[in-house]
Amino acid sequence: MKYFDYAATCPLDPEAASAFVKASTEYYGNSQSLHDIGSRASTLLEGCREEIARLLGVKSEGVYFTSGGSEGNFLAVQSLLSQSSKKGKHIITNIAEHSSIHSSLKMLKGYEVTELPLMENGMIDVQQFQSAIRDDTVLACIQHVNSEIGTIQPLNEIGTLCKENGILLHSDCVQSFGKLDVEAISPFVDSLAISGHKIYGPKGIGALYISPSIPFDSFYPNTSHERGMRPGTVNIPAIVSMVTAANKQVRNMNHNDEHIKSLREQFLTQLMDVRDEIIVHGHANAQLASILGLRIKRLEGQWVMLEANRKGYAISTGSACQVGRTSPSKTMLALGINDKSAKEFIRISFGVHTTEADVKGLARTMISIIQEAPQRDNQITSMVK
């Protein structure tokens, strides 16, 4: 099976795996314990905190370790709203945000949420964002990179507007960290969330940054771990492993980007014979190369995914957090694409282990699926229904 679903999760890097084992066996103390074994664990933990802060270009006292991007997004929303210096009950986000953002906002009582669509190129219209700002707008949640089509949102411009209007800005940076320079956007946001398993680290670990200049109340009362941010013994082995993976990805970022851009171009070139049957979504000059979101005309994405799987290739129909739902992807809806066409969507995502041979093989497979599809009209029609 050839893997083309790196945007969902990545295999654990061997160096990160070794770091996990070493930390588990040599730094097993509880970082809150006062004895020497606990102190060694605490020292290692704080070193990791400083390293993540360096990679993000932020202050270490604002970094908190979480169970992943979804929890980070939830805690960011709760924290920023707990002590907002501005009075108001209005929040701006976009339709295509990760499900954890939408779920977090739906939990809020008494708040009005404006969900912005995406332009045809997959970008947020900054002028539309500005027009959505009201006197009572207190928070905006805008992802750095869309997880389904890879578009990079203009956080610098949005962040500037937020600061000018006293609005706090949170950004889900799960897809961008380790692939783009997050340091370039961190001065423009008040909080951001990242996840370990998207950068070849372990699952169940992530980090949240909240600007130390923002006072907030913890969502969990009487909690001592992570300076009151969340309960539970800190998972130091997973943190060490994530930091090891993060360092490697940031260090090799330019090399990886060139490799993946080349693979993407080769893949699309290989599809030229059926290019009229394919619609690629996104902005050519503001898009993460590793995420390729597309539609094959008249073929439902789930059927295409299952056919690819049958032929030995793992692709997806969008964010793994939405798999199993009958509704189309949020990104397709944000682009104004109707239900039937929206269900044609598939996502192909490349990683550091993807080879040229893998890409050529997938391209041949996609061509065969498209060419063989008329023979399976009944199957396609039944799935669409």
Protein backbone atom coordinates (compact mmCIF):
# COMPACT_ATOMS: atom_id res chain seq x y z
CA MET A 1 0.00 0.00 0.00
CA LYS A 2 1.39 3.40 -1.05
CA TYR A 3 0.51 6.19 1.37
CA PHE A 4 -0.83 9.54 0.13
CA ASP A 5 -2.64 10.76 3.25
CA TYR A 6 0.07 12.66 5.10
CA ALA A 7 -2.29 15.55 5.84
CA ALA A 8 -4.26 13.15 8.05
CA THR A 9 -1.26 11.76 9.93
CA CYS A 10 2.39 10.86 9.43
CA PRO A 11 4.45 7.79 10.35
CA LEU A 12 6.64 8.26 13.40
CA ASP A 13 10.16 9.40 12.54
CA PRO A 14 12.80 6.87 13.76
CA GLU A 15 14.77 9.58 15.61
CA ALA A 16 11.58 10.73 17.30
CA ALA A 17 10.79 7.13 18.24
CA SER A 18 14.25 6.68 19.78
CA ALA A 19 13.84 9.91 21.72
CA PHE A 20 10.50 8.66 23.06
CA VAL A 21 12.05 5.43 24.35
CA LYS A 22 15.01 7.22 25.91
CA ALA A 23 12.81 9.74 27.70
CA SER A 24 10.46 6.97 28.86
CA THR A 25 13.26 4.94 30.42
CA GLU A 26 15.59 7.66 31.70
CA TYR A 27 13.29 10.61 32.47
CA TYR A 28 10.24 8.79 33.81
CA GLY A 29 9.65 11.03 36.82
CA ASN A 30 6.58 13.21 37.25
CA SER A 31 7.66 16.76 36.47
CA GLN A 32 5.64 18.00 39.47
CA SER A 33 7.46 15.74 41.96
CA LEU A 34 9.94 17.51 44.22
CA HIS A 35 12.56 14.75 44.40
CA ASP A 36 15.60 14.65 42.11
CA ILE A 37 14.01 12.26 39.60
CA GLY A 38 11.07 14.62 39.24
CA SER A 39 13.41 17.60 38.95
CA ARG A 40 15.30 15.93 36.07
CA ALA A 41 12.01 15.40 34.26
CA SER A 42 10.98 19.00 34.93
CA THR A 43 14.27 20.33 33.57
CA LEU A 44 13.83 18.30 30.40
CA LEU A 45 10.25 19.50 30.05
CA GLU A 46 11.22 23.15 30.33
CA GLY A 47 14.01 22.64 27.80
CA CYS A 48 11.44 21.27 25.36
CA ARG A 49 9.18 24.22 26.05
CA GLU A 50 11.97 26.63 25.20
CA GLU A 51 12.78 24.71 22.03
CA ILE A 52 9.17 24.78 20.76
CA ALA A 53 9.05 28.49 21.58
CA ARG A 54 12.21 29.04 19.54
CA LEU A 55 10.79 27.17 16.56
CA LEU A 56 7.57 29.19 16.75
CA GLY A 57 9.30 32.51 17.37
CA VAL A 58 7.38 33.12 20.62
CA LYS A 59 8.07 33.44 24.35
CA SER A 60 8.39 30.14 26.19
CA GLU A 61 6.17 31.26 29.07
CA GLY A 62 3.27 31.25 26.61
CA VAL A 63 3.78 27.62 25.49
CA TYR A 64 1.59 24.86 26.93
CA PHE A 65 1.70 21.19 25.97
CA THR A 66 -1.63 19.59 25.05
CA SER A 67 -2.96 16.30 23.69
CA GLY A 68 -2.98 17.67 20.12
CA GLY A 69 -4.37 20.28 17.77
CA SER A 70 -8.05 19.76 18.59
CA GLU A 71 -7.56 20.26 22.33
CA GLY A 72 -5.25 23.19 21.62
CA ASN A 73 -7.93 24.87 19.53
CA PHE A 74 -10.55 24.28 22.21
CA LEU A 75 -8.38 25.60 25.04
CA ALA A 76 -7.37 28.63 22.98
CA VAL A 77 -11.00 29.64 22.39
CA GLN A 78 -11.91 29.14 26.04
CA SER A 79 -8.82 30.94 27.32
CA LEU A 80 -8.99 33.96 25.04
CA LEU A 81 -12.66 34.53 25.80
CA SER A 82 -12.26 34.06 29.56
CA GLN A 83 -10.62 37.44 30.11
CA SER A 84 -11.14 39.44 26.94
CA SER A 85 -10.42 43.09 27.69
CA LYS A 86 -13.03 44.06 25.10
CA LYS A 87 -16.73 43.65 25.82
CA GLY A 88 -18.67 41.83 23.15
CA LYS A 89 -20.19 38.55 22.01
CA HIS A 90 -19.26 38.39 18.33
CA ILE A 91 -16.74 36.00 16.76
CA ILE A 92 -15.46 35.73 13.18
CA THR A 93 -14.26 32.47 11.66
CA ASN A 94 -14.43 30.78 8.27
CA ILE A 95 -16.64 27.96 7.05
CA ALA A 96 -13.66 25.73 6.24
CA GLU A 97 -12.08 25.75 9.71
CA HIS A 98 -11.22 22.43 11.34
CA SER A 99 -14.13 20.71 13.06
CA SER A 100 -12.55 21.31 16.48
CA ILE A 101 -12.92 25.07 15.97
CA HIS A 102 -16.56 24.80 14.91
CA SER A 103 -17.32 22.45 17.80
CA SER A 104 -15.63 24.79 20.29
CA LEU A 105 -17.59 27.79 19.04
CA LYS A 106 -20.90 25.91 19.08
CA MET A 107 -20.38 25.19 22.78
CA LEU A 108 -20.34 28.88 23.62
CA LYS A 109 -23.46 30.40 25.14
CA GLY A 110 -24.67 33.81 24.03
CA TYR A 111 -22.11 34.38 21.26
CA GLU A 112 -22.89 35.18 17.63
CA VAL A 113 -20.52 33.64 15.09
CA THR A 114 -19.97 34.96 11.56
CA GLU A 115 -18.63 32.23 9.25
CA LEU A 116 -16.91 33.62 6.18
CA PRO A 117 -16.78 31.76 2.87
CA LEU A 118 -13.64 31.33 0.78
CA MET A 119 -13.00 33.00 -2.53
CA GLU A 120 -12.75 30.81 -5.62
CA ASN A 121 -8.98 30.53 -5.08
CA GLY A 122 -9.48 29.15 -1.56
CA MET A 123 -8.38 32.34 0.19
CA ILE A 124 -10.27 34.44 2.69
CA ASP A 125 -11.25 37.81 1.26
CA VAL A 126 -9.53 40.29 3.58
CA GLN A 127 -12.00 43.03 2.64
CA GLN A 128 -14.88 40.73 3.51
CA PHE A 129 -13.19 39.95 6.82
CA GLN A 130 -12.87 43.67 7.50
CA SER A 131 -16.53 44.23 6.63
CA ALA A 132 -17.52 41.49 9.09
CA ILE A 133 -15.84 43.31 12.00
CA ARG A 134 -18.30 44.88 14.44
CA ASP A 135 -17.92 46.99 17.55
CA ASP A 136 -18.64 43.86 19.62
CA THR A 137 -16.24 41.52 17.77
CA VAL A 138 -13.89 40.04 20.37
CA LEU A 139 -12.33 36.98 18.70
CA ALA A 140 -11.37 35.64 15.28
CA CYS A 141 -10.36 32.04 14.51
CA ILE A 142 -8.58 31.71 11.18
CA GLN A 143 -6.49 28.68 10.20
CA HIS A 144 -3.01 29.20 8.74
CA VAL A 145 -3.32 26.46 6.10
CA ASN A 146 -6.50 24.81 4.91
CA SER A 147 -6.28 21.08 5.62
CA GLU A 148 -8.13 19.99 2.47
CA ILE A 149 -6.79 22.16 -0.34
CA GLY A 150 -3.67 23.61 1.29
CA THR A 151 -4.32 27.31 0.75
CA ILE A 152 -2.30 29.64 2.96
CA GLN A 153 -4.44 32.33 4.54
CA PRO A 154 -3.24 35.98 4.77
CA LEU A 155 -2.77 36.01 8.54
CA ASN A 156 -0.46 39.02 8.46
CA GLU A 157 -3.22 41.20 7.00
CA ILE A 158 -5.96 39.65 9.11
CA GLY A 159 -3.83 39.91 12.24
CA THR A 160 -3.15 43.59 11.57
CA LEU A 161 -6.87 44.27 11.23
CA CYS A 162 -7.52 42.40 14.46
CA LYS A 163 -4.95 44.41 16.40
CA GLU A 164 -6.32 47.68 15.02
CA ASN A 165 -9.79 46.72 16.24
CA GLY A 166 -8.91 45.14 19.59
CA ILE A 167 -9.82 41.63 18.42
CA LEU A 168 -7.98 38.55 19.65
CA LEU A 169 -6.84 36.17 16.89
CA HIS A 170 -6.32 32.42 17.20
CA SER A 171 -4.83 30.35 14.39
CA ASP A 172 -4.87 26.60 13.87
CA CYS A 173 -1.31 25.98 12.61
CA VAL A 174 -1.51 22.19 12.66
CA GLN A 175 -1.00 21.83 8.90
CA SER A 176 1.59 24.59 8.53
CA PHE A 177 4.06 23.97 11.36
CA GLY A 178 7.17 22.20 10.09
CA LYS A 179 6.27 23.00 6.48
CA LEU A 180 6.05 26.80 6.52
CA ASP A 181 7.82 29.49 8.51
CA VAL A 182 5.38 29.94 11.40
CA GLU A 183 7.74 32.54 12.88
CA ALA A 184 6.59 34.86 10.10
CA ILE A 185 3.00 34.85 11.32
CA SER A 186 3.35 34.33 15.09
CA PRO A 187 3.71 38.09 15.81
CA PHE A 188 0.29 38.64 14.20
CA VAL A 189 -1.68 36.12 16.30
CA ASP A 190 -2.55 35.95 19.98
CA SER A 191 -2.60 32.17 20.10
CA LEU A 192 -1.84 29.20 17.88
CA ALA A 193 -2.05 25.41 18.07
CA ILE A 194 0.19 22.68 16.63
CA SER A 195 0.14 18.87 16.65
CA GLY A 196 2.90 16.25 16.89
CA HIS A 197 1.62 13.59 14.51
CA LYS A 198 1.43 15.98 11.54
CA ILE A 199 5.22 16.46 11.69
CA TYR A 200 6.27 12.80 12.09
CA GLY A 201 6.02 12.92 15.86
CA PRO A 202 3.76 10.76 18.05
CA LYS A 203 -0.01 11.00 18.26
CA GLY A 204 -1.69 12.40 21.34
CA ILE A 205 0.66 15.35 21.82
CA GLY A 206 0.64 18.96 20.69
CA ALA A 207 1.34 22.47 21.87
CA LEU A 208 -0.65 25.65 22.38
CA TYR A 209 0.78 29.14 22.47
CA ILE A 210 -1.09 31.99 24.12
CA SER A 211 0.59 35.39 24.32
CA PRO A 212 1.82 35.94 27.90
CA SER A 213 0.42 39.48 27.68
CA ILE A 214 -3.11 38.05 27.76
CA PRO A 215 -4.44 37.10 31.22
CA PHE A 216 -6.90 34.24 31.17
CA ASP A 217 -8.80 31.89 33.46
CA SER A 218 -8.10 28.18 33.16
CA PHE A 219 -10.95 26.12 31.76
CA TYR A 220 -10.08 23.45 34.36
CA PRO A 221 -10.30 24.69 37.98
CA ASN A 222 -7.64 23.81 40.57
CA THR A 223 -5.24 22.37 38.01
CA SER A 224 -1.51 22.36 38.73
CA HIS A 225 -0.03 20.82 35.56
CA GLU A 226 1.07 23.07 32.71
CA ARG A 227 0.67 26.12 34.94
CA GLY A 228 -3.03 25.43 35.30
CA MET A 229 -3.80 25.03 31.59
CA ARG A 230 -4.83 21.35 31.70
CA PRO A 231 -4.90 18.44 34.17
CA GLY A 232 -3.04 15.16 33.99
CA THR A 233 0.56 14.07 34.35
CA VAL A 234 2.57 15.68 31.57
CA ASN A 235 3.55 13.23 28.82
CA ILE A 236 7.25 14.06 28.74
CA PRO A 237 8.31 11.18 26.42
CA ALA A 238 5.78 12.29 23.78
CA ILE A 239 6.87 15.92 24.18
CA VAL A 240 10.54 15.02 23.72
CA SER A 241 9.62 12.93 20.68
CA MET A 242 7.55 15.77 19.18
CA VAL A 243 10.32 18.29 19.72
CA THR A 244 12.83 15.92 18.08
CA ALA A 245 10.55 15.56 15.05
CA ALA A 246 9.83 19.29 14.95
CA ASN A 247 13.51 20.19 14.94
CA LYS A 248 14.14 17.79 12.09
CA GLN A 249 11.23 19.07 10.01
CA VAL A 250 12.11 22.73 10.50
CA ARG A 251 15.77 22.05 9.79
CA ASN A 252 14.91 20.24 6.54
CA MET A 253 11.96 22.46 5.62
CA ASN A 254 13.38 23.97 2.43
CA HIS A 255 14.71 20.64 1.17
CA ASN A 256 11.41 18.89 1.88
CA ASP A 257 9.46 21.67 0.21
CA GLU A 258 11.49 21.42 -2.99
CA HIS A 259 11.11 17.63 -3.02
CA ILE A 260 7.35 17.78 -2.53
CA LYS A 261 6.83 20.58 -5.05
CA SER A 262 8.62 18.45 -7.62
CA LEU A 263 6.41 15.45 -6.82
CA ARG A 264 3.26 17.54 -7.09
CA GLU A 265 4.29 18.93 -10.48
CA GLN A 266 5.17 15.45 -11.74
CA PHE A 267 1.85 14.07 -10.59
CA LEU A 268 -0.18 16.78 -12.33
CA THR A 269 1.96 16.43 -15.46
CA GLN A 270 1.29 12.69 -15.53
CA LEU A 271 -2.44 13.44 -15.50
CA MET A 272 -2.40 15.65 -18.59
CA ASP A 273 -4.27 13.07 -20.69
CA VAL A 274 -7.27 13.30 -18.35
CA ARG A 275 -6.75 16.89 -17.20
CA ASP A 276 -10.12 17.98 -18.62
CA GLU A 277 -11.80 15.60 -16.17
CA ILE A 278 -10.06 17.08 -13.12
CA ILE A 279 -10.58 20.31 -11.18
CA VAL A 280 -7.72 21.29 -8.86
CA HIS A 281 -8.65 23.67 -6.05
CA GLY A 282 -6.49 26.35 -4.47
CA HIS A 283 -4.18 29.25 -5.16
CA ALA A 284 -1.06 28.41 -7.15
CA ASN A 285 1.05 31.07 -5.41
CA ALA A 286 -0.28 30.65 -1.89
CA GLN A 287 -0.66 26.94 -1.33
CA LEU A 288 1.10 24.24 0.63
CA ALA A 289 2.55 21.92 -2.00
CA SER A 290 2.01 18.78 0.04
CA ILE A 291 -1.81 19.07 -0.03
CA LEU A 292 -3.60 18.57 -3.33
CA GLY A 293 -7.38 18.92 -3.22
CA LEU A 294 -9.24 18.07 -6.39
CA ARG A 295 -12.45 16.81 -7.93
CA ILE A 296 -12.93 14.30 -10.72
CA LYS A 297 -16.01 15.28 -12.67
CA ARG A 298 -19.05 13.01 -12.21
CA LEU A 299 -17.20 10.61 -9.89
CA GLU A 300 -17.98 10.59 -6.20
CA GLY A 301 -14.87 11.03 -4.09
CA GLN A 302 -15.65 8.12 -1.79
CA TRP A 303 -15.91 5.75 -4.76
CA VAL A 304 -12.60 7.04 -6.17
CA MET A 305 -10.96 6.62 -2.76
CA LEU A 306 -12.18 3.03 -2.44
CA GLU A 307 -11.03 2.20 -5.97
CA ALA A 308 -7.60 3.68 -5.25
CA ASN A 309 -7.44 1.68 -2.04
CA ARG A 310 -8.35 -1.49 -3.95
CA LYS A 311 -5.48 -0.79 -6.31
CA GLY A 312 -3.01 -0.22 -3.44
CA TYR A 313 -3.05 3.56 -2.89
CA ALA A 314 -4.24 5.35 0.25
CA ILE A 315 -5.86 8.73 -0.46
CA SER A 316 -8.71 10.47 1.36
CA THR A 317 -11.95 12.36 0.84
CA GLY A 318 -10.89 15.23 3.08
CA SER A 319 -10.20 15.85 6.75
CA ALA A 320 -10.08 12.59 8.72
CA CYS A 321 -12.14 14.30 11.44
CA GLN A 322 -15.13 14.32 9.06
CA VAL A 323 -14.90 10.78 7.68
CA GLY A 324 -18.15 8.86 8.03
CA ARG A 325 -20.37 11.92 7.78
CA THR A 326 -22.79 12.23 4.88
CA SER A 327 -22.28 15.98 4.50
CA PRO A 328 -19.68 17.22 1.97
CA SER A 329 -16.37 18.73 3.06
CA LYS A 330 -16.52 22.13 4.75
CA THR A 331 -14.00 23.45 2.26
CA MET A 332 -16.24 22.63 -0.69
CA LEU A 333 -19.14 24.35 1.03
CA ALA A 334 -16.93 27.34 1.82
CA LEU A 335 -16.13 27.56 -1.90
CA GLY A 336 -19.83 27.61 -2.73
CA ILE A 337 -19.78 24.21 -4.44
CA ASN A 338 -23.11 22.39 -4.35
CA ASP A 339 -23.73 19.05 -2.68
CA LYS A 340 -23.40 16.71 -5.65
CA SER A 341 -20.23 18.36 -6.99
CA ALA A 342 -18.86 18.76 -3.46
CA LYS A 343 -19.01 15.00 -2.96
CA GLU A 344 -16.61 14.54 -5.88
CA PHE A 345 -13.80 15.91 -3.69
CA ILE A 346 -10.67 13.89 -2.89
CA ARG A 347 -7.44 14.87 -1.15
CA ILE A 348 -3.99 13.60 -2.05
CA SER A 349 -1.18 14.58 0.31
CA PHE A 350 2.54 13.98 -0.13
CA GLY A 351 5.20 13.44 2.53
CA VAL A 352 8.93 13.12 2.97
CA HIS A 353 8.80 9.39 2.20
CA THR A 354 6.88 9.81 -1.07
CA THR A 355 8.97 8.87 -4.11
CA GLU A 356 8.79 9.71 -7.79
CA ALA A 357 7.87 6.09 -8.51
CA ASP A 358 5.00 6.31 -6.01
CA VAL A 359 3.67 9.45 -7.70
CA LYS A 360 3.84 7.94 -11.19
CA GLY A 361 2.09 4.83 -9.94
CA LEU A 362 -0.71 6.86 -8.37
CA ALA A 363 -1.11 8.90 -11.54
CA ARG A 364 -1.48 5.74 -13.62
CA THR A 365 -3.99 4.44 -11.10
CA MET A 366 -6.05 7.64 -11.20
CA ILE A 367 -6.09 7.56 -14.99
CA SER A 368 -7.28 3.95 -14.98
CA ILE A 369 -10.01 4.79 -12.46
CA ILE A 370 -11.24 7.63 -14.64
CA GLN A 371 -11.11 5.61 -17.83
CA GLU A 372 -12.79 2.56 -16.30
CA ALA A 373 -15.50 4.57 -14.55
CA PRO A 374 -18.13 4.41 -17.33
CA GLN A 375 -18.17 0.64 -16.87
CA ARG A 376 -19.29 1.20 -13.27
CA ASP A 377 -22.07 3.72 -13.77
CA ASN A 378 -24.46 1.72 -11.61
CA GLN A 379 -22.01 1.60 -8.70
CA ILE A 380 -21.30 5.32 -8.95
CA THR A 381 -24.97 6.24 -9.15
CA SER A 382 -25.86 4.13 -6.12
CA MET A 383 -23.13 5.74 -4.03
CA VAL A 384 -24.17 9.27 -5.02
CA LYS A 385 -27.71 8.49 -3.89
